[in-house]
Amino acid sequence: MFDALNQKSTNEGLTPYSHDFKILKDSLQ
């Protein structure tokens, strides 16, 4: 799950338009 955070910097990785953000959001629900 947290691999999405580690692939990029936090500012780049956590954007509403990023694929990683969607994965993280889905995994938290």
N, C-alpha and C. Protein backbone atom coordinates (compact mmCIF):
# COMPACT_ATOMS: atom_id res chain seq x y z
N MET A 1 0.83 -1.20 0.00
CA MET A 1 0.00 0.00 0.00
C MET A 1 0.87 1.26 0.00
N PHE A 2 1.89 1.30 0.84
CA PHE A 2 2.69 2.50 0.96
C PHE A 2 3.77 2.60 -0.12
N ASP A 3 3.84 1.61 -0.99
CA ASP A 3 4.76 1.69 -2.13
C ASP A 3 4.43 2.90 -3.00
N ALA A 4 3.16 3.25 -3.05
CA ALA A 4 2.75 4.40 -3.85
C ALA A 4 3.37 5.67 -3.32
N LEU A 5 3.55 5.74 -2.00
CA LEU A 5 4.16 6.93 -1.40
C LEU A 5 5.65 6.97 -1.66
N ASN A 6 6.27 5.80 -1.73
CA ASN A 6 7.71 5.74 -1.83
C ASN A 6 8.23 5.94 -3.25
N GLN A 7 7.36 5.77 -4.24
CA GLN A 7 7.79 5.88 -5.63
C GLN A 7 8.18 7.31 -5.99
N LYS A 8 7.52 8.28 -5.39
CA LYS A 8 7.78 9.69 -5.72
C LYS A 8 7.87 10.48 -4.43
N SER A 9 8.19 11.75 -4.56
CA SER A 9 8.12 12.62 -3.40
C SER A 9 6.65 12.77 -2.99
N THR A 10 6.41 13.16 -1.76
CA THR A 10 5.04 13.25 -1.26
C THR A 10 4.22 14.23 -2.09
N ASN A 11 4.81 15.34 -2.45
CA ASN A 11 4.08 16.36 -3.20
C ASN A 11 3.69 15.88 -4.59
N GLU A 12 4.55 15.08 -5.20
CA GLU A 12 4.23 14.57 -6.53
C GLU A 12 3.28 13.39 -6.46
N GLY A 13 3.49 12.54 -5.46
CA GLY A 13 2.73 11.29 -5.40
C GLY A 13 1.28 11.47 -4.99
N LEU A 14 1.03 12.39 -4.06
CA LEU A 14 -0.32 12.52 -3.53
C LEU A 14 -1.06 13.68 -4.19
N THR A 15 -1.48 13.45 -5.43
CA THR A 15 -2.33 14.42 -6.10
C THR A 15 -3.63 13.72 -6.47
N PRO A 16 -4.72 14.44 -6.50
CA PRO A 16 -6.01 13.81 -6.82
C PRO A 16 -6.04 13.18 -8.20
N TYR A 17 -5.11 13.57 -9.06
CA TYR A 17 -5.11 13.07 -10.43
C TYR A 17 -4.13 11.92 -10.63
N SER A 18 -3.40 11.59 -9.57
CA SER A 18 -2.39 10.54 -9.71
C SER A 18 -3.00 9.17 -9.48
N HIS A 19 -2.51 8.19 -10.22
CA HIS A 19 -2.99 6.82 -10.09
C HIS A 19 -2.72 6.28 -8.70
N ASP A 20 -1.58 6.65 -8.14
CA ASP A 20 -1.22 6.17 -6.81
C ASP A 20 -2.19 6.69 -5.76
N PHE A 21 -2.66 7.91 -5.93
CA PHE A 21 -3.61 8.49 -4.98
C PHE A 21 -4.89 7.67 -4.95
N LYS A 22 -5.35 7.25 -6.13
CA LYS A 22 -6.57 6.47 -6.20
C LYS A 22 -6.41 5.13 -5.49
N ILE A 23 -5.24 4.52 -5.66
CA ILE A 23 -4.96 3.25 -4.99
C ILE A 23 -4.97 3.43 -3.48
N LEU A 24 -4.32 4.48 -3.01
CA LEU A 24 -4.27 4.74 -1.57
C LEU A 24 -5.67 5.03 -1.03
N LYS A 25 -6.43 5.83 -1.75
CA LYS A 25 -7.77 6.19 -1.30
C LYS A 25 -8.65 4.95 -1.22
N ASP A 26 -8.56 4.10 -2.23
CA ASP A 26 -9.36 2.88 -2.24
C ASP A 26 -8.97 1.95 -1.10
N SER A 27 -7.68 1.90 -0.79
CA SER A 27 -7.21 0.98 0.24
C SER A 27 -7.58 1.47 1.63
N LEU A 28 -7.84 2.75 1.78
CA LEU A 28 -8.21 3.29 3.09
C LEU A 28 -9.69 3.15 3.38
N GLN A 29 -10.48 2.88 2.37
CA GLN A 29 -11.92 2.78 2.58
C GLN A 29 -12.34 1.39 3.05
